[in-house]
Amino acid sequence: MWNGKQATGLRSTLAAVIRGEQIAARACEDSGCDVSELVQHAIREGCAGLLLRAVEAGGEEFDKAAMRSLRRAASLDGANALRVLHASQRVIAVLNGAGVPALVLKGVSLHAMVYDRPDLRPVSDLDLLVRPEKAERAAATLVALGCHRGMDLIHPEFFPRYYYEAEFLSPPPENLRIDLHVRPFRPPRYARLMPDDAMWKGADSVGRGDGRMLAPSPERMLIHLAAHAAFHGCSRLIWLYDLKAFLAVHGDRMDWELFLRLAGEWKLAGAVRSGIDEAESLFGGLVPARVRAALNEVSVSWADRLVLRSAPCEAGSPLRSVLVHLLTTPGTRWKLGYALVHVVPSREHLREAYSGRHFGWTFVAQLLRLMRHLRRLVQSLATLPRRWAVPALAKQGGGVRQADR
């Protein structure tokens, strides 16, 4: 397992190879890693196909084991992408036939709009955005198609009122995971700040032939890609390369004034800036200088900074995430309802937390659930001084280098 410094070095080396600045063998020699480490890191980062393309373009040939591993990973990514894309067309057609328009997001939309080879961008699921008022019909349509609900949420009313997506699994042979979104982002603050039709205006028909589907306009798509990467801590290189690849194809038709206005109105300027910053640190300038300057001038509120810092850690600290959402999401009635569904979860959710079925088992399950959340919160708070000290020390030393952000 690589430590943080090694992973950062491998990411920078991989990015240099992908953007064609160095051949892989020389890049590995300069950075002190070996080819097998670079290949494994590319697979982890979702970039096996991109590395394979760069290696082939440079006329290189790794040792047999590394090349076999790289080609196998890229081939599996391509086959899986084709499976998901084919299955997606049928699901979207069924939803449209039921009167439920759907926008495709992330991987499927990028294959329709950007990538010309299926192995260049892994995609494991279908992300669909439907209007909130269509959520019930969309869910019923998917169930009628043979899909079953995935992970149980904390309360039946959690989706679509408080949570941004529900998971569905299609039956064999497709075995497609469908993330049914009613809102584009996980933090509920933006569900309250963004209008329900935010991503729908100017939607484009993308794809070819019978595989055409609806995707957000280029300006909205870029906002979504950058903010999504930021809310997940820019943890995968492929999400950052998506920004480069998307702008390489659609940059000329971008309405940058609209992009800036929407990012500001939706209070996403900080998240968008963070995602673009990280992508530019690895792949060079992506947006025009005037757009960069305008983004830098947008004031980011404490609430948006708190959400951006907290979002990548939600899975590991759910109680802290709930507190952050209560602090940053506007609306007193919304806050009360959101708190209530967490305080009084469904019996189905409690069954997952506690296996006993004796008298008073729900009380025991609640107590164990609370103790587990408190333990995670204490552990998180214990590391807070160390985590906050890192940026402070970096600032004293002249700032954080772009490659380390």
Protein backbone atom coordinates (compact mmCIF):
# COMPACT_ATOMS: atom_id res chain seq x y z
CA MET A 1 0.00 0.00 0.00
CA TRP A 2 1.39 3.40 -0.97
CA ASN A 3 1.66 6.25 1.49
CA GLY A 4 0.37 9.73 0.63
CA LYS A 5 3.69 11.02 -0.72
CA GLN A 6 4.21 7.98 -2.94
CA ALA A 7 0.66 8.17 -4.28
CA THR A 8 1.08 11.87 -5.07
CA GLY A 9 4.31 11.17 -6.93
CA LEU A 10 2.76 8.32 -8.88
CA ARG A 11 -0.25 10.46 -9.78
CA SER A 12 2.00 13.25 -11.09
CA THR A 13 4.10 10.74 -13.06
CA LEU A 14 0.99 9.11 -14.52
CA ALA A 15 -0.46 12.48 -15.50
CA ALA A 16 2.80 13.44 -17.25
CA VAL A 17 2.73 10.23 -19.29
CA ILE A 18 -0.96 10.57 -20.16
CA ARG A 19 -0.54 14.14 -21.38
CA GLY A 20 2.33 13.00 -23.60
CA GLU A 21 5.12 15.01 -21.99
CA GLN A 22 7.23 11.99 -21.10
CA ILE A 23 7.46 8.38 -22.16
CA ALA A 24 6.55 6.03 -19.36
CA ALA A 25 9.96 4.42 -18.91
CA ARG A 26 11.75 7.77 -18.61
CA ALA A 27 9.03 9.16 -16.30
CA CYS A 28 9.37 6.14 -14.00
CA GLU A 29 13.14 6.49 -13.96
CA ASP A 30 12.93 10.19 -13.09
CA SER A 31 10.38 9.66 -10.31
CA GLY A 32 12.00 6.59 -8.79
CA CYS A 33 9.07 4.22 -9.31
CA ASP A 34 9.02 1.10 -11.42
CA VAL A 35 6.72 0.32 -14.33
CA SER A 36 4.61 -2.21 -12.41
CA GLU A 37 3.83 0.44 -9.75
CA LEU A 38 2.79 2.90 -12.45
CA VAL A 39 0.52 0.31 -14.07
CA GLN A 40 -1.15 -0.62 -10.79
CA HIS A 41 -1.65 3.03 -9.94
CA ALA A 42 -3.20 3.69 -13.36
CA ILE A 43 -5.65 0.85 -12.76
CA ARG A 44 -6.55 2.24 -9.33
CA GLU A 45 -7.06 5.72 -10.77
CA GLY A 46 -9.32 4.50 -13.59
CA CYS A 47 -6.71 5.36 -16.22
CA ALA A 48 -5.60 1.98 -17.58
CA GLY A 49 -6.88 2.74 -21.08
CA LEU A 50 -5.32 6.21 -21.08
CA LEU A 51 -1.93 4.83 -20.03
CA LEU A 52 -2.14 2.06 -22.62
CA ARG A 53 -2.89 4.62 -25.35
CA ALA A 54 0.05 6.75 -24.25
CA VAL A 55 2.41 3.76 -24.16
CA GLU A 56 1.33 2.63 -27.62
CA ALA A 57 1.63 6.18 -29.00
CA GLY A 58 5.18 6.41 -27.64
CA GLY A 59 6.16 3.10 -29.25
CA GLU A 60 7.04 1.63 -25.87
CA GLU A 61 6.81 -1.93 -24.67
CA PHE A 62 6.89 -2.69 -20.94
CA ASP A 63 7.93 -6.03 -19.57
CA LYS A 64 5.47 -8.78 -20.43
CA ALA A 65 3.82 -8.98 -17.00
CA ALA A 66 3.18 -5.22 -16.81
CA MET A 67 1.85 -5.03 -20.37
CA ARG A 68 -0.38 -8.05 -19.81
CA SER A 69 -1.81 -6.49 -16.65
CA LEU A 70 -2.35 -3.12 -18.36
CA ARG A 71 -3.98 -4.59 -21.47
CA ARG A 72 -6.22 -6.83 -19.37
CA ALA A 73 -7.41 -3.91 -17.23
CA ALA A 74 -8.06 -1.69 -20.26
CA SER A 75 -9.90 -4.53 -22.01
CA LEU A 76 -12.10 -5.15 -18.98
CA ASP A 77 -12.85 -1.42 -18.70
CA GLY A 78 -13.83 -1.31 -22.36
CA ALA A 79 -16.02 -4.41 -22.21
CA ASN A 80 -17.77 -3.17 -19.08
CA ALA A 81 -18.31 0.27 -20.60
CA LEU A 82 -19.93 -1.30 -23.68
CA ARG A 83 -22.16 -3.43 -21.45
CA VAL A 84 -23.28 -0.41 -19.42
CA LEU A 85 -23.83 1.76 -22.50
CA HIS A 86 -25.92 -0.92 -24.21
CA ALA A 87 -28.02 -1.59 -21.12
CA SER A 88 -28.44 2.15 -20.51
CA GLN A 89 -30.14 2.66 -23.84
CA ARG A 90 -32.90 0.21 -22.95
CA VAL A 91 -33.44 1.67 -19.48
CA ILE A 92 -33.64 5.23 -20.82
CA ALA A 93 -36.05 4.14 -23.56
CA VAL A 94 -38.34 2.47 -20.99
CA LEU A 95 -38.31 5.56 -18.75
CA ASN A 96 -39.06 7.84 -21.70
CA GLY A 97 -41.92 5.57 -22.69
CA ALA A 98 -43.33 5.91 -19.17
CA GLY A 99 -43.23 9.70 -19.41
CA VAL A 100 -40.08 10.13 -17.33
CA PRO A 101 -37.41 12.17 -19.14
CA ALA A 102 -33.93 11.51 -17.78
CA LEU A 103 -30.57 13.25 -18.08
CA VAL A 104 -27.44 11.09 -18.15
CA LEU A 105 -24.54 12.21 -15.96
CA LYS A 106 -20.87 11.35 -15.51
CA GLY A 107 -19.51 8.22 -17.21
CA VAL A 108 -22.30 7.38 -19.66
CA SER A 109 -22.70 10.98 -20.78
CA LEU A 110 -18.93 11.35 -21.22
CA HIS A 111 -18.80 8.29 -23.46
CA ALA A 112 -21.53 9.85 -25.59
CA MET A 113 -19.93 13.31 -25.66
CA VAL A 114 -16.15 12.93 -25.34
CA TYR A 115 -14.44 9.56 -25.43
CA ASP A 116 -14.08 7.81 -28.78
CA ARG A 117 -12.88 4.47 -27.38
CA PRO A 118 -14.76 2.49 -24.72
CA ASP A 119 -11.56 1.48 -22.90
CA LEU A 120 -10.46 5.06 -22.25
CA ARG A 121 -12.97 5.72 -19.49
CA PRO A 122 -14.26 3.07 -17.07
CA VAL A 123 -17.94 3.25 -16.20
CA SER A 124 -19.57 0.94 -13.69
CA ASP A 125 -23.11 2.31 -13.43
CA LEU A 126 -25.77 4.47 -15.02
CA ASP A 127 -26.30 7.85 -13.36
CA LEU A 128 -29.70 9.25 -14.28
CA LEU A 129 -31.17 12.56 -13.19
CA VAL A 130 -34.96 12.85 -13.14
CA ARG A 131 -37.11 15.70 -11.93
CA PRO A 132 -38.08 15.35 -8.25
CA GLU A 133 -41.79 15.16 -9.05
CA LYS A 134 -41.06 12.21 -11.38
CA ALA A 135 -39.05 10.23 -8.81
CA GLU A 136 -41.92 7.99 -7.69
CA ARG A 137 -42.92 7.14 -11.26
CA ALA A 138 -39.29 6.54 -12.22
CA ALA A 139 -38.80 4.16 -9.28
CA ALA A 140 -42.01 2.28 -10.10
CA THR A 141 -40.97 2.00 -13.74
CA LEU A 142 -37.59 0.54 -12.81
CA VAL A 143 -39.23 -1.98 -10.48
CA ALA A 144 -41.64 -2.97 -13.28
CA LEU A 145 -38.60 -3.48 -15.50
CA GLY A 146 -37.36 -6.08 -13.03
CA CYS A 147 -34.96 -3.92 -11.06
CA HIS A 148 -34.80 -4.13 -7.29
CA ARG A 149 -33.78 -1.51 -4.79
CA GLY A 150 -30.19 -1.53 -3.66
CA MET A 151 -28.96 -0.25 -0.33
CA ASP A 152 -31.73 0.50 2.17
CA LEU A 153 -31.72 4.11 3.28
CA ILE A 154 -32.19 5.23 6.85
CA HIS A 155 -35.88 6.00 6.36
CA PRO A 156 -38.40 5.45 3.53
CA GLU A 157 -38.86 9.23 3.21
CA PHE A 158 -35.11 9.87 3.01
CA PHE A 159 -35.28 9.70 -0.79
CA PRO A 160 -36.27 11.86 -2.57
CA ARG A 161 -37.00 14.47 0.09
CA TYR A 162 -33.60 14.54 1.81
CA TYR A 163 -31.25 12.34 -0.18
CA TYR A 164 -30.12 12.91 -3.72
CA GLU A 165 -30.23 9.37 -5.16
CA ALA A 166 -31.59 5.85 -4.84
CA GLU A 167 -29.81 2.73 -6.05
CA PHE A 168 -31.43 0.12 -8.28
CA LEU A 169 -29.99 -3.13 -9.64
CA SER A 170 -31.26 -4.53 -12.93
CA PRO A 171 -31.77 -8.30 -13.32
CA PRO A 172 -29.36 -10.61 -15.20
CA PRO A 173 -27.85 -10.72 -17.73
CA GLU A 174 -27.34 -6.94 -17.64
CA ASN A 175 -26.72 -6.61 -13.88
CA LEU A 176 -26.68 -2.86 -14.28
CA ARG A 177 -26.46 -0.61 -11.26
CA ILE A 178 -28.64 2.45 -11.74
CA ASP A 179 -28.21 5.50 -9.54
CA LEU A 180 -31.47 7.39 -9.83
CA HIS A 181 -30.77 11.03 -8.98
CA VAL A 182 -33.29 13.72 -8.22
CA ARG A 183 -30.51 16.23 -7.58
CA PRO A 184 -27.04 16.46 -9.12
CA PHE A 185 -25.00 16.67 -5.88
CA ARG A 186 -24.89 14.79 -2.58
CA PRO A 187 -24.67 17.75 -0.13
CA PRO A 188 -28.30 18.77 0.58
CA ARG A 189 -27.28 22.44 0.83
CA TYR A 190 -27.23 22.58 -2.97
CA ALA A 191 -30.53 20.77 -3.30
CA ARG A 192 -32.02 23.73 -1.42
CA LEU A 193 -30.06 26.41 -3.27
CA MET A 194 -30.34 25.09 -6.84
CA PRO A 195 -33.70 25.18 -8.64
CA ASP A 196 -35.14 21.79 -9.60
CA ASP A 197 -34.66 22.56 -13.30
CA ALA A 198 -31.06 23.78 -12.84
CA MET A 199 -29.45 21.04 -14.94
CA TRP A 200 -32.28 20.74 -17.45
CA LYS A 201 -32.17 24.09 -19.22
CA GLY A 202 -30.43 23.84 -22.57
CA ALA A 203 -30.05 20.05 -22.31
CA ASP A 204 -28.39 18.47 -25.36
CA SER A 205 -29.25 15.32 -27.28
CA VAL A 206 -25.98 13.38 -27.43
CA GLY A 207 -24.79 10.06 -28.80
CA ARG A 208 -25.31 8.42 -32.17
CA GLY A 209 -28.20 6.73 -33.95
CA ASP A 210 -30.59 4.84 -31.68
CA GLY A 211 -28.29 5.46 -28.72
CA ARG A 212 -29.11 9.15 -28.35
CA MET A 213 -29.83 10.49 -24.88
CA LEU A 214 -30.19 13.78 -23.02
CA ALA A 215 -27.21 15.35 -21.24
CA PRO A 216 -26.72 18.73 -19.53
CA SER A 217 -25.52 21.70 -21.58
CA PRO A 218 -21.71 22.15 -21.74
CA GLU A 219 -21.71 24.88 -19.06
CA ARG A 220 -23.77 22.82 -16.64
CA MET A 221 -21.83 19.68 -17.47
CA LEU A 222 -18.52 21.36 -16.63
CA ILE A 223 -19.90 22.64 -13.33
CA HIS A 224 -21.11 19.16 -12.48
CA LEU A 225 -17.84 17.43 -13.40
CA ALA A 226 -15.68 19.88 -11.44
CA ALA A 227 -17.89 20.05 -8.35
CA HIS A 228 -18.44 16.28 -8.30
CA ALA A 229 -14.66 15.71 -8.32
CA ALA A 230 -14.20 18.28 -5.54
CA PHE A 231 -16.95 16.81 -3.33
CA HIS A 232 -15.16 13.45 -3.59
CA GLY A 233 -11.79 14.94 -2.70
CA CYS A 234 -10.48 14.68 -6.29
CA SER A 235 -9.66 11.13 -5.27
CA ARG A 236 -9.53 9.63 -8.79
CA LEU A 237 -7.35 10.91 -11.58
CA ILE A 238 -9.91 9.93 -14.21
CA TRP A 239 -12.36 12.50 -12.79
CA LEU A 240 -9.73 15.22 -13.29
CA TYR A 241 -8.83 13.99 -16.76
CA ASP A 242 -12.56 14.15 -17.59
CA LEU A 243 -12.31 17.94 -17.25
CA LYS A 244 -9.39 18.11 -19.67
CA ALA A 245 -11.04 15.75 -22.16
CA PHE A 246 -14.40 17.50 -21.96
CA LEU A 247 -12.95 20.95 -22.59
CA ALA A 248 -10.79 19.64 -25.42
CA VAL A 249 -14.00 18.68 -27.24
CA HIS A 250 -16.50 21.27 -26.01
CA GLY A 251 -14.36 24.22 -24.89
CA ASP A 252 -14.96 26.18 -28.10
CA ARG A 253 -18.72 26.20 -27.60
CA MET A 254 -18.66 27.10 -23.91
CA ASP A 255 -20.56 30.21 -22.84
CA TRP A 256 -18.11 31.21 -20.13
CA GLU A 257 -20.26 34.06 -18.87
CA LEU A 258 -23.14 31.64 -18.30
CA PHE A 259 -20.76 29.17 -16.64
CA LEU A 260 -19.55 31.82 -14.19
CA ARG A 261 -23.04 33.12 -13.48
CA LEU A 262 -24.46 29.66 -12.74
CA ALA A 263 -21.51 28.63 -10.55
CA GLY A 264 -22.04 31.82 -8.53
CA GLU A 265 -25.84 31.59 -8.31
CA TRP A 266 -25.68 27.95 -7.20
CA LYS A 267 -22.96 28.73 -4.61
CA LEU A 268 -20.69 26.19 -6.28
CA ALA A 269 -17.83 28.52 -7.24
CA GLY A 270 -15.60 27.19 -4.45
CA ALA A 271 -16.16 23.54 -5.36
CA VAL A 272 -15.79 24.21 -9.08
CA ARG A 273 -12.60 26.16 -8.48
CA SER A 274 -11.21 23.35 -6.33
CA GLY A 275 -11.88 20.72 -9.00
CA ILE A 276 -10.42 22.84 -11.79
CA ASP A 277 -7.39 23.75 -9.66
CA GLU A 278 -6.53 20.11 -9.11
CA ALA A 279 -7.04 19.21 -12.77
CA GLU A 280 -4.91 22.14 -13.93
CA SER A 281 -2.11 21.23 -11.50
CA LEU A 282 -1.81 17.91 -13.35
CA PHE A 283 -2.84 18.68 -16.92
CA GLY A 284 -1.99 22.36 -17.42
CA GLY A 285 -4.31 25.27 -18.12
CA LEU A 286 -7.88 24.26 -18.94
CA VAL A 287 -9.99 27.41 -18.69
CA PRO A 288 -9.24 30.88 -20.12
CA ALA A 289 -7.24 33.21 -17.86
CA ARG A 290 -10.13 35.65 -17.53
CA VAL A 291 -12.43 32.83 -16.36
CA ARG A 292 -9.83 31.72 -13.85
CA ALA A 293 -9.51 35.30 -12.57
CA ALA A 294 -13.30 35.67 -12.30
CA LEU A 295 -13.59 32.39 -10.37
CA ASN A 296 -10.88 33.51 -7.97
CA GLU A 297 -12.78 36.72 -7.27
CA VAL A 298 -16.00 34.96 -6.22
CA SER A 299 -16.46 35.07 -2.45
CA VAL A 300 -17.02 31.63 -0.92
CA SER A 301 -19.09 31.50 2.27
CA TRP A 302 -18.11 29.62 5.42
CA ALA A 303 -20.95 27.18 4.76
CA ASP A 304 -19.68 26.29 1.30
CA ARG A 305 -16.12 25.90 2.59
CA LEU A 306 -17.36 23.63 5.40
CA VAL A 307 -19.36 21.47 2.99
CA LEU A 308 -16.40 21.18 0.62
CA ARG A 309 -14.07 20.13 3.46
CA SER A 310 -16.58 17.66 4.92
CA ALA A 311 -18.00 16.03 1.78
CA PRO A 312 -15.10 13.65 1.01
CA CYS A 313 -15.25 12.26 4.57
CA GLU A 314 -19.00 11.54 4.78
CA ALA A 315 -18.74 7.76 4.58
CA GLY A 316 -16.25 7.59 7.44
CA SER A 317 -18.04 10.03 9.75
CA PRO A 318 -21.80 9.98 9.16
CA LEU A 319 -22.72 11.77 12.42
CA ARG A 320 -20.37 14.64 11.61
CA SER A 321 -21.88 14.81 8.12
CA VAL A 322 -25.38 15.08 9.54
CA LEU A 323 -24.26 17.94 11.79
CA VAL A 324 -22.62 19.71 8.84
CA HIS A 325 -25.78 19.35 6.77
CA LEU A 326 -27.90 20.74 9.60
CA LEU A 327 -25.54 23.71 9.95
CA THR A 328 -25.22 24.54 6.27
CA THR A 329 -28.57 23.70 4.69
CA PRO A 330 -31.13 26.53 4.74
CA GLY A 331 -34.71 26.07 5.97
CA THR A 332 -35.87 25.48 9.54
CA ARG A 333 -38.60 23.00 8.60
CA TRP A 334 -36.14 21.11 6.41
CA LYS A 335 -33.63 20.92 9.28
CA LEU A 336 -36.26 19.57 11.67
CA GLY A 337 -37.42 16.93 9.22
CA TYR A 338 -33.87 15.91 8.34
CA ALA A 339 -32.97 15.56 12.02
CA LEU A 340 -36.13 13.55 12.69
CA VAL A 341 -35.47 10.87 10.06
CA HIS A 342 -32.03 10.31 11.61
CA VAL A 343 -33.33 10.21 15.18
CA VAL A 344 -36.18 7.84 14.25
CA PRO A 345 -34.85 5.50 11.53
CA SER A 346 -36.98 2.73 10.06
CA ARG A 347 -37.08 -0.73 11.64
CA GLU A 348 -35.59 -2.11 8.41
CA HIS A 349 -32.54 0.12 8.88
CA LEU A 350 -32.20 -0.91 12.54
CA ARG A 351 -32.27 -4.59 11.54
CA GLU A 352 -29.04 -3.99 9.64
CA ALA A 353 -27.43 -2.48 12.75
CA TYR A 354 -28.48 -5.19 15.23
CA SER A 355 -29.29 -8.87 14.69
CA GLY A 356 -31.20 -9.52 17.93
CA ARG A 357 -35.02 -9.74 17.91
CA HIS A 358 -35.79 -9.85 21.63
CA PHE A 359 -38.16 -7.59 23.53
CA GLY A 360 -36.89 -4.02 23.27
CA TRP A 361 -34.44 -4.85 20.46
CA THR A 362 -35.14 -1.56 18.70
CA PHE A 363 -33.99 0.37 21.79
CA VAL A 364 -30.76 -1.67 21.94
CA ALA A 365 -30.21 -1.17 18.20
CA GLN A 366 -30.68 2.58 18.59
CA LEU A 367 -28.26 2.70 21.51
CA LEU A 368 -25.59 0.73 19.65
CA ARG A 369 -26.09 2.91 16.60
CA LEU A 370 -25.66 6.08 18.67
CA MET A 371 -22.54 4.75 20.42
CA ARG A 372 -20.97 3.82 17.11
CA HIS A 373 -21.60 7.29 15.66
CA LEU A 374 -20.26 9.00 18.80
CA ARG A 375 -17.11 6.90 18.70
CA ARG A 376 -16.51 7.90 15.08
CA LEU A 377 -17.15 11.54 15.91
CA VAL A 378 -14.67 11.48 18.82
CA GLN A 379 -12.06 9.81 16.63
CA SER A 380 -12.61 12.42 13.94
CA LEU A 381 -12.37 15.31 16.42
CA ALA A 382 -9.18 13.84 17.88
CA THR A 383 -7.45 14.14 14.50
CA LEU A 384 -8.81 17.64 13.80
CA PRO A 385 -5.80 19.62 15.16
CA ARG A 386 -3.40 17.58 13.04
CA ARG A 387 -5.52 17.90 9.89
CA TRP A 388 -5.92 21.66 10.31
CA ALA A 389 -2.22 22.10 11.12
CA VAL A 390 -1.10 20.84 7.71
CA PRO A 391 -2.52 23.72 5.63
CA ALA A 392 -1.44 26.21 8.30
CA LEU A 393 2.17 25.01 8.16
CA ALA A 394 2.08 25.01 4.37
CA LYS A 395 0.86 28.59 4.38
CA GLN A 396 3.71 29.63 6.66
CA GLY A 397 6.14 28.00 4.26
CA GLY A 398 4.88 29.95 1.27
CA GLY A 399 1.77 28.08 0.25
CA VAL A 400 0.88 24.62 -0.97
CA ARG A 401 2.38 23.60 -4.27
CA GLN A 402 -0.21 22.96 -6.94
CA ALA A 403 0.89 19.35 -7.34
CA ASP A 404 0.22 18.73 -3.62
CA ARG A 405 -3.28 20.22 -3.44
